[in-house]
Amino acid sequence: MGFNTEGHNSAVIGLYRADGKLYRLCGLSLNGKEPVKIGDVVEIDYLYGTAKLEAVQINLVRVRDDKKPHQCTIDQLVINKGFKK
């Protein structure tokens, strides 16, 4: 979706909702990671997803060139049902 504007080396990661709108999922540190650009599809891993549709403690796995942005949908986020917040 974009990059942090406060001078941090991080990107904003988003997923598409069912209505086709882009949803901000989380921020992603790029320190020591491969470079990414706006529009790239990235694979991440994360500790858990919250009921508020956020990913927590994420890590960049790789940039994907075999997927298109519209294939990245919010229903891919796995919610940890035991998480309370």
PDB file of N, CA and C in Angstrom:
ATOM      1  N   MET A   1       0.820  -1.196   0.000  1.00  0.00           N
ATOM      2  CA  MET A   1       0.000   0.000   0.000  1.00  0.00           C
ATOM      3  C   MET A   1       0.862   1.258   0.000  1.00  0.00           C
ATOM      4  N   GLY A   2       1.985   1.213   0.691  1.00  0.00           N
ATOM      5  CA  GLY A   2       2.827   2.390   0.777  1.00  0.00           C
ATOM      6  C   GLY A   2       3.959   2.182   1.760  1.00  0.00           C
ATOM      7  N   PHE A   3       4.622   3.271   2.097  1.00  0.00           N
ATOM      8  CA  PHE A   3       5.757   3.216   3.013  1.00  0.00           C
ATOM      9  C   PHE A   3       5.523   4.168   4.173  1.00  0.00           C
ATOM     10  N   ASN A   4       6.195   3.895   5.282  1.00  0.00           N
ATOM     11  CA  ASN A   4       6.112   4.746   6.458  1.00  0.00           C
ATOM     12  C   ASN A   4       6.678   6.118   6.104  1.00  0.00           C
ATOM     13  N   THR A   5       5.977   7.160   6.470  1.00  0.00           N
ATOM     14  CA  THR A   5       6.409   8.522   6.142  1.00  0.00           C
ATOM     15  C   THR A   5       7.185   9.176   7.266  1.00  0.00           C
ATOM     16  N   GLU A   6       7.455   8.455   8.354  1.00  0.00           N
ATOM     17  CA  GLU A   6       8.161   9.020   9.510  1.00  0.00           C
ATOM     18  C   GLU A   6       9.632   8.654   9.525  1.00  0.00           C
ATOM     19  N   GLY A   7      10.180   8.227   8.395  1.00  0.00           N
ATOM     20  CA  GLY A   7      11.598   7.933   8.304  1.00  0.00           C
ATOM     21  C   GLY A   7      11.987   6.523   8.706  1.00  0.00           C
ATOM     22  N   HIS A   8      11.025   5.696   9.048  1.00  0.00           N
ATOM     23  CA  HIS A   8      11.315   4.305   9.384  1.00  0.00           C
ATOM     24  C   HIS A   8      11.376   3.485   8.101  1.00  0.00           C
ATOM     25  N   ASN A   9      12.164   2.443   8.118  1.00  0.00           N
ATOM     26  CA  ASN A   9      12.269   1.561   6.963  1.00  0.00           C
ATOM     27  C   ASN A   9      11.178   0.502   7.060  1.00  0.00           C
ATOM     28  N   SER A  10       9.952   0.898   6.743  1.00  0.00           N
ATOM     29  CA  SER A  10       8.825  -0.027   6.850  1.00  0.00           C
ATOM     30  C   SER A  10       7.783   0.264   5.774  1.00  0.00           C
ATOM     31  N   ALA A  11       6.987  -0.754   5.518  1.00  0.00           N
ATOM     32  CA  ALA A  11       5.931  -0.663   4.511  1.00  0.00           C
ATOM     33  C   ALA A  11       4.582  -0.914   5.156  1.00  0.00           C
ATOM     34  N   VAL A  12       3.529  -0.431   4.519  1.00  0.00           N
ATOM     35  CA  VAL A  12       2.160  -0.694   4.947  1.00  0.00           C
ATOM     36  C   VAL A  12       1.621  -1.813   4.067  1.00  0.00           C
ATOM     37  N   ILE A  13       1.123  -2.874   4.710  1.00  0.00           N
ATOM     38  CA  ILE A  13       0.636  -4.056   4.005  1.00  0.00           C
ATOM     39  C   ILE A  13      -0.890  -4.048   4.016  1.00  0.00           C
ATOM     40  N   GLY A  14      -1.490  -4.382   2.901  1.00  0.00           N
ATOM     41  CA  GLY A  14      -2.946  -4.397   2.812  1.00  0.00           C
ATOM     42  C   GLY A  14      -3.463  -5.650   2.134  1.00  0.00           C
ATOM     43  N   LEU A  15      -4.729  -5.907   2.350  1.00  0.00           N
ATOM     44  CA  LEU A  15      -5.457  -6.999   1.700  1.00  0.00           C
ATOM     45  C   LEU A  15      -6.755  -6.429   1.147  1.00  0.00           C
ATOM     46  N   TYR A  16      -7.297  -7.083   0.146  1.00  0.00           N
ATOM     47  CA  TYR A  16      -8.564  -6.634  -0.423  1.00  0.00           C
ATOM     48  C   TYR A  16      -9.743  -7.239   0.326  1.00  0.00           C
ATOM     49  N   ARG A  17     -10.739  -6.388   0.611  1.00  0.00           N
ATOM     50  CA  ARG A  17     -11.986  -6.849   1.230  1.00  0.00           C
ATOM     51  C   ARG A  17     -12.904  -7.394   0.149  1.00  0.00           C
ATOM     52  N   ALA A  18     -13.995  -8.019   0.582  1.00  0.00           N
ATOM     53  CA  ALA A  18     -14.962  -8.598  -0.362  1.00  0.00           C
ATOM     54  C   ALA A  18     -15.551  -7.539  -1.292  1.00  0.00           C
ATOM     55  N   ASP A  19     -15.639  -6.276  -0.822  1.00  0.00           N
ATOM     56  CA  ASP A  19     -16.195  -5.206  -1.653  1.00  0.00           C
ATOM     57  C   ASP A  19     -15.173  -4.622  -2.637  1.00  0.00           C
ATOM     58  N   GLY A  20     -13.965  -5.210  -2.650  1.00  0.00           N
ATOM     59  CA  GLY A  20     -12.931  -4.763  -3.583  1.00  0.00           C
ATOM     60  C   GLY A  20     -12.069  -3.623  -3.087  1.00  0.00           C
ATOM     61  N   LYS A  21     -12.340  -3.112  -1.887  1.00  0.00           N
ATOM     62  CA  LYS A  21     -11.543  -2.014  -1.331  1.00  0.00           C
ATOM     63  C   LYS A  21     -10.328  -2.572  -0.602  1.00  0.00           C
ATOM     64  N   LEU A  22      -9.237  -1.832  -0.676  1.00  0.00           N
ATOM     65  CA  LEU A  22      -8.000  -2.224  -0.020  1.00  0.00           C
ATOM     66  C   LEU A  22      -8.089  -1.898   1.465  1.00  0.00           C
ATOM     67  N   TYR A  23      -7.724  -2.851   2.295  1.00  0.00           N
ATOM     68  CA  TYR A  23      -7.796  -2.732   3.754  1.00  0.00           C
ATOM     69  C   TYR A  23      -6.378  -2.753   4.323  1.00  0.00           C
ATOM     70  N   ARG A  24      -6.054  -1.800   5.197  1.00  0.00           N
ATOM     71  CA  ARG A  24      -4.735  -1.767   5.830  1.00  0.00           C
ATOM     72  C   ARG A  24      -4.658  -2.881   6.874  1.00  0.00           C
ATOM     73  N   LEU A  25      -3.762  -3.815   6.667  1.00  0.00           N
ATOM     74  CA  LEU A  25      -3.598  -4.937   7.570  1.00  0.00           C
ATOM     75  C   LEU A  25      -2.601  -4.627   8.683  1.00  0.00           C
ATOM     76  N   CYS A  26      -1.428  -4.077   8.323  1.00  0.00           N
ATOM     77  CA  CYS A  26      -0.385  -3.850   9.310  1.00  0.00           C
ATOM     78  C   CYS A  26       0.788  -3.113   8.682  1.00  0.00           C
ATOM     79  N   GLY A  27       1.734  -2.777   9.534  1.00  0.00           N
ATOM     80  CA  GLY A  27       3.010  -2.241   9.085  1.00  0.00           C
ATOM     81  C   GLY A  27       4.020  -3.373   9.078  1.00  0.00           C
ATOM     82  N   LEU A  28       5.037  -3.269   8.247  1.00  0.00           N
ATOM     83  CA  LEU A  28       6.026  -4.327   8.098  1.00  0.00           C
ATOM     84  C   LEU A  28       7.420  -3.713   8.072  1.00  0.00           C
ATOM     85  N   SER A  29       8.269  -4.085   9.039  1.00  0.00           N
ATOM     86  CA  SER A  29       9.648  -3.610   9.048  1.00  0.00           C
ATOM     87  C   SER A  29      10.394  -4.210   7.865  1.00  0.00           C
ATOM     88  N   LEU A  30      11.163  -3.383   7.187  1.00  0.00           N
ATOM     89  CA  LEU A  30      11.963  -3.847   6.058  1.00  0.00           C
ATOM     90  C   LEU A  30      13.452  -3.903   6.395  1.00  0.00           C
ATOM     91  N   ASN A  31      13.804  -3.676   7.650  1.00  0.00           N
ATOM     92  CA  ASN A  31      15.203  -3.727   8.063  1.00  0.00           C
ATOM     93  C   ASN A  31      15.775  -5.121   7.810  1.00  0.00           C
ATOM     94  N   GLY A  32      16.826  -5.182   6.994  1.00  0.00           N
ATOM     95  CA  GLY A  32      17.482  -6.437   6.683  1.00  0.00           C
ATOM     96  C   GLY A  32      16.703  -7.334   5.735  1.00  0.00           C
ATOM     97  N   LYS A  33      15.634  -6.807   5.136  1.00  0.00           N
ATOM     98  CA  LYS A  33      14.792  -7.602   4.225  1.00  0.00           C
ATOM     99  C   LYS A  33      15.031  -7.175   2.783  1.00  0.00           C
ATOM    100  N   GLU A  34      14.551  -8.005   1.859  1.00  0.00           N
ATOM    101  CA  GLU A  34      14.669  -7.649   0.454  1.00  0.00           C
ATOM    102  C   GLU A  34      13.805  -6.415   0.165  1.00  0.00           C
ATOM    103  N   PRO A  35      14.218  -5.591  -0.781  1.00  0.00           N
ATOM    104  CA  PRO A  35      13.440  -4.381  -1.091  1.00  0.00           C
ATOM    105  C   PRO A  35      12.087  -4.725  -1.708  1.00  0.00           C
ATOM    106  N   VAL A  36      11.111  -3.895  -1.407  1.00  0.00           N
ATOM    107  CA  VAL A  36       9.778  -4.036  -1.987  1.00  0.00           C
ATOM    108  C   VAL A  36       9.363  -2.688  -2.550  1.00  0.00           C
ATOM    109  N   LYS A  37       8.373  -2.726  -3.440  1.00  0.00           N
ATOM    110  CA  LYS A  37       7.844  -1.479  -3.981  1.00  0.00           C
ATOM    111  C   LYS A  37       6.319  -1.519  -3.900  1.00  0.00           C
ATOM    112  N   ILE A  38       5.702  -0.369  -3.997  1.00  0.00           N
ATOM    113  CA  ILE A  38       4.244  -0.296  -3.939  1.00  0.00           C
ATOM    114  C   ILE A  38       3.670  -1.154  -5.057  1.00  0.00           C
ATOM    115  N   GLY A  39       2.700  -1.980  -4.706  1.00  0.00           N
ATOM    116  CA  GLY A  39       2.072  -2.872  -5.663  1.00  0.00           C
ATOM    117  C   GLY A  39       2.620  -4.285  -5.635  1.00  0.00           C
ATOM    118  N   ASP A  40       3.771  -4.487  -4.965  1.00  0.00           N
ATOM    119  CA  ASP A  40       4.310  -5.843  -4.850  1.00  0.00           C
ATOM    120  C   ASP A  40       3.372  -6.712  -4.012  1.00  0.00           C
ATOM    121  N   VAL A  41       3.307  -7.980  -4.357  1.00  0.00           N
ATOM    122  CA  VAL A  41       2.614  -8.971  -3.538  1.00  0.00           C
ATOM    123  C   VAL A  41       3.680  -9.609  -2.668  1.00  0.00           C
ATOM    124  N   VAL A  42       3.453  -9.595  -1.358  1.00  0.00           N
ATOM    125  CA  VAL A  42       4.427 -10.180  -0.437  1.00  0.00           C
ATOM    126  C   VAL A  42       3.781 -11.295   0.369  1.00  0.00           C
ATOM    127  N   GLU A  43       4.577 -12.269   0.698  1.00  0.00           N
ATOM    128  CA  GLU A  43       4.144 -13.335   1.595  1.00  0.00           C
ATOM    129  C   GLU A  43       4.695 -13.006   2.973  1.00  0.00           C
ATOM    130  N   ILE A  44       3.816 -13.043   3.972  1.00  0.00           N
ATOM    131  CA  ILE A  44       4.232 -12.769   5.343  1.00  0.00           C
ATOM    132  C   ILE A  44       3.857 -13.944   6.227  1.00  0.00           C
ATOM    133  N   ASP A  45       4.549 -14.052   7.347  1.00  0.00           N
ATOM    134  CA  ASP A  45       4.048 -14.917   8.401  1.00  0.00           C
ATOM    135  C   ASP A  45       3.794 -14.005   9.595  1.00  0.00           C
ATOM    136  N   TYR A  46       2.939 -14.443  10.500  1.00  0.00           N
ATOM    137  CA  TYR A  46       2.568 -13.612  11.634  1.00  0.00           C
ATOM    138  C   TYR A  46       2.199 -14.509  12.800  1.00  0.00           C
ATOM    139  N   LEU A  47       2.314 -13.952  14.005  1.00  0.00           N
ATOM    140  CA  LEU A  47       2.041 -14.722  15.204  1.00  0.00           C
ATOM    141  C   LEU A  47       0.559 -15.052  15.318  1.00  0.00           C
ATOM    142  N   TYR A  48      -0.300 -14.036  15.113  1.00  0.00           N
ATOM    143  CA  TYR A  48      -1.738 -14.268  15.137  1.00  0.00           C
ATOM    144  C   TYR A  48      -2.472 -13.120  14.468  1.00  0.00           C
ATOM    145  N   GLY A  49      -3.709 -13.394  14.062  1.00  0.00           N
ATOM    146  CA  GLY A  49      -4.601 -12.372  13.538  1.00  0.00           C
ATOM    147  C   GLY A  49      -5.618 -12.039  14.612  1.00  0.00           C
ATOM    148  N   THR A  50      -6.006 -10.772  14.710  1.00  0.00           N
ATOM    149  CA  THR A  50      -6.957 -10.359  15.741  1.00  0.00           C
ATOM    150  C   THR A  50      -8.373 -10.278  15.171  1.00  0.00           C
ATOM    151  N   ALA A  51      -9.333 -10.206  16.067  1.00  0.00           N
ATOM    152  CA  ALA A  51     -10.733 -10.065  15.663  1.00  0.00           C
ATOM    153  C   ALA A  51     -10.968  -8.731  14.948  1.00  0.00           C
ATOM    154  N   LYS A  52     -10.067  -7.769  15.145  1.00  0.00           N
ATOM    155  CA  LYS A  52     -10.166  -6.472  14.469  1.00  0.00           C
ATOM    156  C   LYS A  52      -9.477  -6.498  13.100  1.00  0.00           C
ATOM    157  N   LEU A  53      -9.163  -7.696  12.626  1.00  0.00           N
ATOM    158  CA  LEU A  53      -8.531  -7.902  11.323  1.00  0.00           C
ATOM    159  C   LEU A  53      -7.178  -7.212  11.206  1.00  0.00           C
ATOM    160  N   GLU A  54      -6.309  -7.499  12.165  1.00  0.00           N
ATOM    161  CA  GLU A  54      -4.936  -7.019  12.158  1.00  0.00           C
ATOM    162  C   GLU A  54      -4.017  -8.221  12.301  1.00  0.00           C
ATOM    163  N   ALA A  55      -2.837  -8.149  11.714  1.00  0.00           N
ATOM    164  CA  ALA A  55      -1.824  -9.185  11.894  1.00  0.00           C
ATOM    165  C   ALA A  55      -0.811  -8.667  12.909  1.00  0.00           C
ATOM    166  N   VAL A  56      -0.388  -9.551  13.803  1.00  0.00           N
ATOM    167  CA  VAL A  56       0.510  -9.166  14.893  1.00  0.00           C
ATOM    168  C   VAL A  56       1.833  -9.916  14.759  1.00  0.00           C
ATOM    169  N   GLN A  57       2.927  -9.201  15.009  1.00  0.00           N
ATOM    170  CA  GLN A  57       4.295  -9.717  14.934  1.00  0.00           C
ATOM    171  C   GLN A  57       4.548 -10.387  13.583  1.00  0.00           C
ATOM    172  N   ILE A  58       4.551  -9.555  12.564  1.00  0.00           N
ATOM    173  CA  ILE A  58       4.697 -10.080  11.204  1.00  0.00           C
ATOM    174  C   ILE A  58       6.148 -10.100  10.750  1.00  0.00           C
ATOM    175  N   ASN A  59       6.404 -10.911   9.766  1.00  0.00           N
ATOM    176  CA  ASN A  59       7.728 -11.042   9.194  1.00  0.00           C
ATOM    177  C   ASN A  59       7.578 -11.247   7.684  1.00  0.00           C
ATOM    178  N   LEU A  60       8.411 -10.570   6.921  1.00  0.00           N
ATOM    179  CA  LEU A  60       8.409 -10.745   5.468  1.00  0.00           C
ATOM    180  C   LEU A  60       9.076 -12.071   5.126  1.00  0.00           C
ATOM    181  N   VAL A  61       8.362 -12.917   4.389  1.00  0.00           N
ATOM    182  CA  VAL A  61       8.920 -14.194   3.933  1.00  0.00           C
ATOM    183  C   VAL A  61       9.574 -14.004   2.571  1.00  0.00           C
ATOM    184  N   ARG A  62       8.820 -13.430   1.627  1.00  0.00           N
ATOM    185  CA  ARG A  62       9.353 -13.211   0.285  1.00  0.00           C
ATOM    186  C   ARG A  62       8.394 -12.364  -0.533  1.00  0.00           C
ATOM    187  N   VAL A  63       8.919 -11.797  -1.599  1.00  0.00           N
ATOM    188  CA  VAL A  63       8.093 -11.115  -2.598  1.00  0.00           C
ATOM    189  C   VAL A  63       7.604 -12.191  -3.556  1.00  0.00           C
ATOM    190  N   ARG A  64       6.314 -12.148  -3.880  1.00  0.00           N
ATOM    191  CA  ARG A  64       5.708 -13.156  -4.764  1.00  0.00           C
ATOM    192  C   ARG A  64       5.496 -12.549  -6.141  1.00  0.00           C
ATOM    193  N   ASP A  65       6.004 -13.200  -7.171  1.00  0.00           N
ATOM    194  CA  ASP A  65       5.745 -12.744  -8.541  1.00  0.00           C
ATOM    195  C   ASP A  65       4.756 -13.674  -9.249  1.00  0.00           C
ATOM    196  N   ASP A  66       4.275 -14.689  -8.521  1.00  0.00           N
ATOM    197  CA  ASP A  66       3.326 -15.634  -9.106  1.00  0.00           C
ATOM    198  C   ASP A  66       1.877 -15.320  -8.735  1.00  0.00           C
ATOM    199  N   LYS A  67       1.651 -14.246  -7.983  1.00  0.00           N
ATOM    200  CA  LYS A  67       0.306 -13.839  -7.564  1.00  0.00           C
ATOM    201  C   LYS A  67       0.057 -12.393  -7.967  1.00  0.00           C
ATOM    202  N   LYS A  68      -1.202 -12.065  -8.182  1.00  0.00           N
ATOM    203  CA  LYS A  68      -1.614 -10.700  -8.510  1.00  0.00           C
ATOM    204  C   LYS A  68      -2.213 -10.061  -7.258  1.00  0.00           C
ATOM    205  N   PRO A  69      -2.138  -8.739  -7.132  1.00  0.00           N
ATOM    206  CA  PRO A  69      -2.679  -8.076  -5.939  1.00  0.00           C
ATOM    207  C   PRO A  69      -4.131  -8.435  -5.632  1.00  0.00           C
ATOM    208  N   HIS A  70      -4.999  -8.538  -6.631  1.00  0.00           N
ATOM    209  CA  HIS A  70      -6.414  -8.821  -6.371  1.00  0.00           C
ATOM    210  C   HIS A  70      -6.640 -10.218  -5.770  1.00  0.00           C
ATOM    211  N   GLN A  71      -5.608 -11.076  -5.814  1.00  0.00           N
ATOM    212  CA  GLN A  71      -5.709 -12.398  -5.204  1.00  0.00           C
ATOM    213  C   GLN A  71      -5.425 -12.369  -3.695  1.00  0.00           C
ATOM    214  N   CYS A  72      -5.009 -11.241  -3.188  1.00  0.00           N
ATOM    215  CA  CYS A  72      -4.666 -11.093  -1.770  1.00  0.00           C
ATOM    216  C   CYS A  72      -5.894 -10.553  -1.032  1.00  0.00           C
ATOM    217  N   THR A  73      -6.670 -11.452  -0.456  1.00  0.00           N
ATOM    218  CA  THR A  73      -7.948 -11.078   0.138  1.00  0.00           C
ATOM    219  C   THR A  73      -7.954 -11.275   1.652  1.00  0.00           C
ATOM    220  N   ILE A  74      -8.785 -10.503   2.306  1.00  0.00           N
ATOM    221  CA  ILE A  74      -8.852 -10.483   3.765  1.00  0.00           C
ATOM    222  C   ILE A  74      -9.237 -11.843   4.344  1.00  0.00           C
ATOM    223  N   ASP A  75      -9.923 -12.666   3.585  1.00  0.00           N
ATOM    224  CA  ASP A  75     -10.319 -13.982   4.107  1.00  0.00           C
ATOM    225  C   ASP A  75      -9.123 -14.918   4.298  1.00  0.00           C
ATOM    226  N   GLN A  76      -7.942 -14.513   3.838  1.00  0.00           N
ATOM    227  CA  GLN A  76      -6.737 -15.311   4.059  1.00  0.00           C
ATOM    228  C   GLN A  76      -6.178 -15.131   5.468  1.00  0.00           C
ATOM    229  N   LEU A  77      -6.596 -14.087   6.163  1.00  0.00           N
ATOM    230  CA  LEU A  77      -6.116 -13.835   7.522  1.00  0.00           C
ATOM    231  C   LEU A  77      -6.755 -14.834   8.477  1.00  0.00           C
ATOM    232  N   VAL A  78      -5.938 -15.578   9.189  1.00  0.00           N
ATOM    233  CA  VAL A  78      -6.437 -16.554  10.160  1.00  0.00           C
ATOM    234  C   VAL A  78      -6.533 -15.875  11.517  1.00  0.00           C
ATOM    235  N   ILE A  79      -7.735 -15.863  12.064  1.00  0.00           N
ATOM    236  CA  ILE A  79      -7.978 -15.229  13.364  1.00  0.00           C
ATOM    237  C   ILE A  79      -7.755 -16.259  14.469  1.00  0.00           C
ATOM    238  N   ASN A  80      -6.957 -15.871  15.465  1.00  0.00           N
ATOM    239  CA  ASN A  80      -6.763 -16.717  16.635  1.00  0.00           C
ATOM    240  C   ASN A  80      -7.959 -16.514  17.542  1.00  0.00           C
ATOM    241  N   LYS A  81      -8.843 -17.477  17.589  1.00  0.00           N
ATOM    242  CA  LYS A  81     -10.104 -17.330  18.322  1.00  0.00           C
ATOM    243  C   LYS A  81      -9.883 -17.186  19.828  1.00  0.00           C
ATOM    244  N   GLY A  82      -8.728 -17.598  20.340  1.00  0.00           N
ATOM    245  CA  GLY A  82      -8.451 -17.477  21.763  1.00  0.00           C
ATOM    246  C   GLY A  82      -7.920 -16.113  22.162  1.00  0.00           C
ATOM    247  N   PHE A  83      -7.612 -15.265  21.182  1.00  0.00           N
ATOM    248  CA  PHE A  83      -7.058 -13.937  21.482  1.00  0.00           C
ATOM    249  C   PHE A  83      -8.165 -13.002  21.932  1.00  0.00           C
ATOM    250  N   LYS A  84      -7.954 -12.299  23.028  1.00  0.00           N
ATOM    251  CA  LYS A  84      -8.979 -11.380  23.547  1.00  0.00           C
ATOM    252  C   LYS A  84      -8.470  -9.962  23.476  1.00  0.00           C
ATOM    253  N   LYS A  85      -9.140  -9.145  22.687  1.00  0.00           N
ATOM    254  CA  LYS A  85      -8.832  -7.715  22.615  1.00  0.00           C
ATOM    255  C   LYS A  85      -9.955  -6.995  21.925  1.00  0.00           C
TER     256      LYS A  85
END
